Protein backbone atom coordinates (compact mmCIF):
# COMPACT_ATOMS: atom_id res chain seq x y z
CA UNK A 1 0.00 0.00 0.00
CA UNK A 2 1.31 3.42 -0.98
CA UNK A 3 1.22 6.68 0.94
CA UNK A 4 -1.47 9.34 0.70
CA UNK A 5 -0.05 12.86 0.41
CA UNK A 6 -2.76 15.38 1.21
CA UNK A 7 -1.90 18.70 -0.45
CA UNK A 8 -5.07 20.41 0.73
CA UNK A 9 -6.30 22.23 3.78
CA UNK A 10 -7.39 21.27 7.28
CA UNK A 11 -9.08 23.61 9.73
CA UNK A 12 -10.69 23.75 13.16
CA UNK A 13 -14.48 23.35 13.26
CA UNK A 14 -16.86 25.02 15.71
CA UNK A 15 -19.83 22.66 15.55
CA UNK A 16 -23.32 23.68 16.69
CA UNK A 17 -26.22 21.20 16.83
CA UNK A 18 -29.53 23.01 16.22
CA UNK A 19 -33.05 21.98 15.25
CA UNK A 20 -33.16 24.13 12.10
CA UNK A 21 -31.34 27.10 10.59
CA UNK A 22 -32.37 30.42 12.15
CA UNK A 23 -34.31 32.99 10.15
CA UNK A 24 -32.44 36.21 9.33
CA UNK A 25 -32.32 38.54 12.32
CA UNK A 26 -33.22 35.85 14.85
CA UNK A 27 -31.25 33.83 17.39
CA UNK A 28 -30.95 30.08 17.80
CA UNK A 29 -29.86 28.16 20.91
CA UNK A 30 -27.69 25.12 20.18
CA UNK A 31 -28.42 21.72 21.71
CA UNK A 32 -24.69 21.13 21.89
CA UNK A 33 -21.42 22.73 20.80
CA UNK A 34 -17.85 21.50 20.49
CA UNK A 35 -14.58 22.46 18.87
CA UNK A 36 -12.72 19.89 16.78
CA UNK A 37 -10.42 19.52 13.81
CA UNK A 38 -12.14 19.23 10.44
CA UNK A 39 -11.88 19.86 6.72
CA UNK A 40 -9.17 17.74 5.13
CA UNK A 41 -8.38 16.13 8.46
CA UNK A 42 -11.46 13.91 8.14
CA UNK A 43 -10.29 12.52 4.82
CA UNK A 44 -6.78 11.88 6.13
CA UNK A 45 -8.08 10.20 9.30
CA UNK A 46 -10.34 7.92 7.25
CA UNK A 47 -7.45 6.79 5.06
CA UNK A 48 -5.15 6.33 8.06
CA UNK A 49 -7.73 4.27 9.96
CA UNK A 50 -8.01 2.12 6.84
CA UNK A 51 -4.29 1.37 7.37
CA UNK A 52 -2.84 3.66 4.69
CA UNK A 53 0.21 5.80 5.45
CA UNK A 54 -0.75 9.47 5.29
CA UNK A 55 1.29 12.67 5.09
CA UNK A 56 -0.12 16.18 5.37
CA UNK A 57 1.60 18.53 2.93
CA UNK A 58 -0.66 21.54 3.46
CA UNK A 59 -0.04 24.75 5.32
CA UNK A 60 -0.82 24.97 9.04
CA UNK A 61 -0.51 28.05 11.18
CA UNK A 62 1.01 29.23 14.42
CA UNK A 63 -1.55 29.64 17.20
CA UNK A 64 -4.19 27.64 19.09
CA UNK A 65 -5.89 26.30 15.95
CA UNK A 66 -2.59 25.17 14.47
CA UNK A 67 -1.59 23.53 17.74
CA UNK A 68 -4.90 21.66 17.88
CA UNK A 69 -4.57 20.49 14.26
CA UNK A 70 -1.01 19.25 14.70
CA UNK A 71 -1.93 17.39 17.88
CA UNK A 72 -4.82 15.65 16.08
CA UNK A 73 -2.67 14.74 13.08
CA UNK A 74 0.03 13.23 15.28
CA UNK A 75 -2.54 11.32 17.35
CA UNK A 76 -3.73 9.62 14.15
CA UNK A 77 -0.18 8.77 13.07
CA UNK A 78 -0.24 11.25 10.18
CA UNK A 79 3.11 12.72 9.16
CA UNK A 80 3.39 16.53 8.91
CA UNK A 81 5.64 17.57 6.03
CA UNK A 82 5.78 21.36 6.53
CA UNK A 83 6.81 23.53 9.45
CA UNK A 84 4.15 25.81 11.01
CA UNK A 85 3.60 29.00 9.03
CA UNK A 86 4.86 31.77 11.34
CA UNK A 87 2.61 34.70 10.47
CA UNK A 88 -0.96 33.47 11.02
CA UNK A 89 -3.04 30.72 12.59
CA UNK A 90 -4.87 27.85 10.93
CA UNK A 91 -8.36 28.87 9.81
CA UNK A 92 -11.66 27.79 11.27
CA UNK A 93 -15.20 26.96 10.22
CA UNK A 94 -18.60 27.32 11.87
CA UNK A 95 -20.59 24.13 11.22
CA UNK A 96 -24.35 24.21 11.79
CA UNK A 97 -25.82 20.70 11.97
CA UNK A 98 -29.62 20.59 11.90
CA UNK A 99 -31.98 17.85 13.08
CA UNK A 100 -32.23 16.45 9.54
CA UNK A 101 -28.44 15.72 9.79
CA UNK A 102 -27.59 18.30 7.11
CA UNK A 103 -24.70 20.70 7.68
CA UNK A 104 -24.10 24.34 6.72
CA UNK A 105 -20.63 25.92 6.73
CA UNK A 106 -19.27 29.42 7.30
CA UNK A 107 -15.48 29.43 6.90
CA UNK A 108 -12.73 31.86 7.81
CA UNK A 109 -9.51 30.83 5.98
CA UNK A 110 -6.15 31.12 7.68
CA UNK A 111 -2.64 29.90 6.94
CA UNK A 112 -3.95 27.05 4.76
CA UNK A 113 -5.12 29.52 2.11
CA UNK A 114 -1.71 30.71 0.90
CA UNK A 115 0.44 27.99 -0.73
CA UNK A 116 3.44 29.25 -2.73
CA UNK A 117 5.56 27.66 -5.46
CA UNK A 118 8.57 27.53 -3.14
CA UNK A 119 6.62 25.77 -0.39
CA UNK A 120 5.15 23.20 -2.75
CA UNK A 121 8.58 22.54 -4.26
CA UNK A 122 9.74 21.13 -0.91
CA UNK A 123 7.28 18.21 -1.11
CA UNK A 124 9.20 15.05 -1.98
CA UNK A 125 7.03 12.34 -3.50
CA UNK A 126 7.75 8.62 -3.43
CA UNK A 127 7.16 6.17 -6.27
CA UNK A 128 3.97 4.64 -4.83
CA UNK A 129 2.42 7.85 -3.45
CA UNK A 130 -1.13 8.98 -4.07
CA UNK A 131 -1.77 12.74 -4.09
CA UNK A 132 -5.05 14.31 -2.98
CA UNK A 133 -6.24 17.87 -3.64
CA UNK A 134 -9.57 19.47 -2.73
CA UNK A 135 -11.58 22.26 -4.28
CA UNK A 136 -11.39 24.27 -1.08
CA UNK A 137 -7.66 24.85 -1.50
CA UNK A 138 -8.11 25.62 -5.20
CA UNK A 139 -10.77 28.21 -4.37
CA UNK A 140 -8.30 30.35 -2.40
CA UNK A 141 -7.03 33.17 -4.58
CA UNK A 142 -3.66 33.26 -2.81
CA UNK A 143 -2.78 29.62 -3.45
CA UNK A 144 -4.66 28.16 -6.41
CA UNK A 145 -2.27 29.19 -9.18
CA UNK A 146 0.77 27.74 -7.41
CA UNK A 147 -1.13 24.57 -6.58
CA UNK A 148 -2.32 24.14 -10.17
CA UNK A 149 1.26 24.47 -11.44
CA UNK A 150 2.42 21.90 -8.90
CA UNK A 151 -0.34 19.49 -9.95
CA UNK A 152 0.60 19.82 -13.62
CA UNK A 153 4.23 19.01 -12.75
CA UNK A 154 3.43 15.83 -10.78
CA UNK A 155 5.35 12.73 -11.93
CA UNK A 156 3.37 10.83 -14.55
CA UNK A 157 3.06 7.69 -12.43
CA UNK A 158 1.60 9.40 -9.34
CA UNK A 159 -2.21 9.16 -9.17
CA UNK A 160 -4.07 12.39 -8.39
CA UNK A 161 -7.38 12.13 -6.53
CA UNK A 162 -9.50 15.28 -6.74
CA UNK A 163 -12.58 16.25 -4.72
CA UNK A 164 -14.05 19.50 -6.12
CA UNK A 165 -16.13 20.09 -2.91
CA UNK A 166 -18.98 22.62 -2.69
CA UNK A 167 -16.35 25.32 -3.38
CA UNK A 168 -16.10 24.21 -7.02
CA UNK A 169 -18.17 27.20 -8.13
CA UNK A 170 -15.47 29.53 -6.77
CA UNK A 171 -12.69 27.92 -8.84
CA UNK A 172 -11.94 29.76 -12.12
CA UNK A 173 -13.06 27.56 -15.00
CA UNK A 174 -9.73 27.54 -16.83
CA UNK A 175 -7.89 26.51 -13.66
CA UNK A 176 -10.47 23.83 -12.85
CA UNK A 177 -10.02 22.31 -16.30
CA UNK A 178 -6.23 22.25 -15.85
CA UNK A 179 -6.64 20.23 -12.65
CA UNK A 180 -9.23 17.91 -14.21
CA UNK A 181 -6.84 17.26 -17.10
CA UNK A 182 -4.35 15.71 -14.62
CA UNK A 183 -6.90 13.92 -12.42
CA UNK A 184 -6.75 10.12 -12.07
CA UNK A 185 -9.82 9.66 -9.86
CA UNK A 186 -12.51 12.27 -9.37
CA UNK A 187 -14.92 11.93 -6.44
CA UNK A 188 -17.84 14.34 -6.06
CA UNK A 189 -21.53 14.55 -5.25
CA UNK A 190 -24.22 15.09 -7.86
CA UNK A 191 -24.47 18.86 -7.35
CA UNK A 192 -20.71 19.29 -7.81
CA UNK A 193 -20.74 17.09 -10.93
CA UNK A 194 -23.50 19.27 -12.39
CA UNK A 195 -21.36 22.38 -11.89
CA UNK A 196 -18.38 20.72 -13.59
CA UNK A 197 -20.48 19.43 -16.50
CA UNK A 198 -22.33 22.71 -16.90
CA UNK A 199 -25.65 20.86 -17.04
CA UNK A 200 -28.09 19.41 -14.53
CA UNK A 201 -29.14 15.95 -15.66
CA UNK A 202 -30.08 12.83 -13.69
CA UNK A 203 -27.41 10.94 -11.77
CA UNK A 204 -25.08 8.84 -13.82
CA UNK A 205 -25.78 10.74 -17.06
CA UNK A 206 -23.44 13.43 -15.70
CA UNK A 207 -20.52 11.02 -15.98
CA UNK A 208 -19.84 11.36 -19.70
CA UNK A 209 -19.53 15.18 -19.85
CA UNK A 210 -17.48 15.24 -16.64
CA UNK A 211 -15.08 12.49 -17.74
CA UNK A 212 -14.67 14.22 -21.09
CA UNK A 213 -12.77 16.90 -19.16
CA UNK A 214 -10.51 14.29 -17.51
CA UNK A 215 -8.43 12.67 -20.29
CA UNK A 216 -6.12 10.85 -17.84
CA UNK A 217 -8.85 9.67 -15.47
CA UNK A 218 -9.46 6.03 -14.62
CA UNK A 219 -12.92 6.94 -13.43
CA UNK A 220 -15.38 9.03 -11.49
CA UNK A 221 -17.14 8.26 -8.21
CA UNK A 222 -20.50 10.02 -8.07
CA UNK A 223 -21.59 10.11 -4.44
CA UNK A 224 -25.35 10.25 -3.87
CA UNK A 225 -25.77 10.26 -0.10
CA UNK A 226 -27.82 7.43 1.42
CA UNK A 227 -28.38 5.91 -2.03
CA UNK A 228 -24.66 5.09 -2.23
CA UNK A 229 -22.62 6.01 -5.30
CA UNK A 230 -22.15 5.44 -9.00
CA UNK A 231 -18.84 4.08 -10.24
CA UNK A 232 -18.32 5.61 -13.67
CA UNK A 233 -15.35 4.24 -15.60
CA UNK A 234 -13.57 5.80 -18.55
CA UNK A 235 -14.66 2.79 -20.61
CA UNK A 236 -18.22 4.10 -20.40
CA UNK A 237 -19.44 1.63 -17.78
CA UNK A 238 -21.65 3.24 -15.10
CA UNK A 239 -22.43 0.94 -12.18
CA UNK A 240 -24.62 1.78 -9.16
CA UNK A 241 -23.10 0.76 -5.83
CA UNK A 242 -25.88 0.78 -3.20
CA UNK A 243 -25.43 2.47 0.15
CA UNK A 244 -26.24 1.09 3.58
CA UNK A 245 -29.45 1.77 5.49
CA UNK A 246 -28.54 3.69 8.65
CA UNK A 247 -30.07 6.42 10.77
CA UNK A 248 -28.11 9.59 10.04
CA UNK A 249 -27.21 11.87 12.95
CA UNK A 250 -24.58 14.14 11.37
CA UNK A 251 -23.50 14.11 7.70
CA UNK A 252 -20.51 16.41 8.31
CA UNK A 253 -17.38 14.64 7.07
CA UNK A 254 -19.23 11.84 5.24
CA UNK A 255 -17.81 12.79 1.84
CA UNK A 256 -14.30 13.09 3.27
CA UNK A 257 -14.67 9.69 4.92
CA UNK A 258 -15.87 8.18 1.64
CA UNK A 259 -12.88 9.48 -0.30
CA UNK A 260 -10.30 8.50 2.31
CA UNK A 261 -11.66 4.96 2.53
CA UNK A 262 -11.90 4.69 -1.27
CA UNK A 263 -8.28 5.73 -1.83
CA UNK A 264 -7.01 3.38 0.89
CA UNK A 265 -8.92 0.46 -0.65
CA UNK A 266 -7.56 1.20 -4.13
CA UNK A 267 -4.02 1.58 -2.78
CA UNK A 268 -4.11 -1.86 -1.22
CA UNK A 269 -5.18 -3.40 -4.52
CA UNK A 270 -8.96 -3.67 -4.28
CA UNK A 271 -10.96 -3.42 -7.50
CA UNK A 272 -12.72 -0.06 -7.97
CA UNK A 273 -16.18 -1.61 -7.40
CA UNK A 274 -15.07 -3.15 -4.09
CA UNK A 275 -13.35 0.10 -3.11
CA UNK A 276 -16.56 2.09 -3.64
CA UNK A 277 -18.58 -0.40 -1.59
CA UNK A 278 -15.99 -0.21 1.19
CA UNK A 279 -16.20 3.60 1.02
CA UNK A 280 -20.00 3.47 1.16
CA UNK A 281 -19.74 1.44 4.37
CA UNK A 282 -17.25 3.85 5.93
CA UNK A 283 -19.39 6.88 5.07
CA UNK A 284 -22.51 5.16 6.42
CA UNK A 285 -20.75 4.50 9.72
CA UNK A 286 -19.56 8.09 9.90
CA UNK A 287 -23.05 9.60 9.78
CA UNK A 288 -24.36 7.48 12.66
CA UNK A 289 -22.59 9.61 15.27
CA UNK A 290 -21.99 13.30 15.86
CA UNK A 291 -18.74 14.70 14.49
CA UNK A 292 -16.75 14.38 11.30
């Protein structure tokens, strides 16, 4: 099994459990609140708990958020490749989780939003590494150009896994297409696939226009929540992979869990269909409890 190198962002979440989103100008009392690491950390933790070596290559800041993130990474056995950025702290995110298990985010980027060419050039990749990048990092104006150049310069044999995330609409189209052109595996939900394709059609029919933008891709995983996912291969085969029937408590981190488990399964030699089913199981488990 190779190593996962996460060249994205991880933040600190302030999670509030509420019955429903408040109306403008009103106040809402939370059932419960806690502070925890989130963002890319959830994906890395999922891959690590699936027994894959993981290294965090993103920026992390100097301050209480950065300290909390580094402590969590080390507790999961995740290597940290960069030194703390000295001028600012790691960013944070307010996460509102409603009684229907849906989550709403309000983010405040920090050190993770400013990758430079020189910083990225210090990342040393190994022959069997897998690289992961998320749309959140590519949406940051201070880092996306350097990150896109680094992605384009990746060694030919290194697989790139890309999750466009809900931030895909904030990524300039030309830059998004440059990243898609180097992508080996794309994993996204149906709404994100519709943005990439530029059309809103049912489920698996999004696969062809999306994969047309990914000439090097082995395939696309279309996540569809409790229904499971579609495995869409470059050969044109689109296969539904059913989800698992669970009672959802908190969907925050489910997509990250799915991707981390999927990459770990592929890296240890599982067939793509089996890897998606494994990822469906991991994501289903993740939503049965509060927290990412």
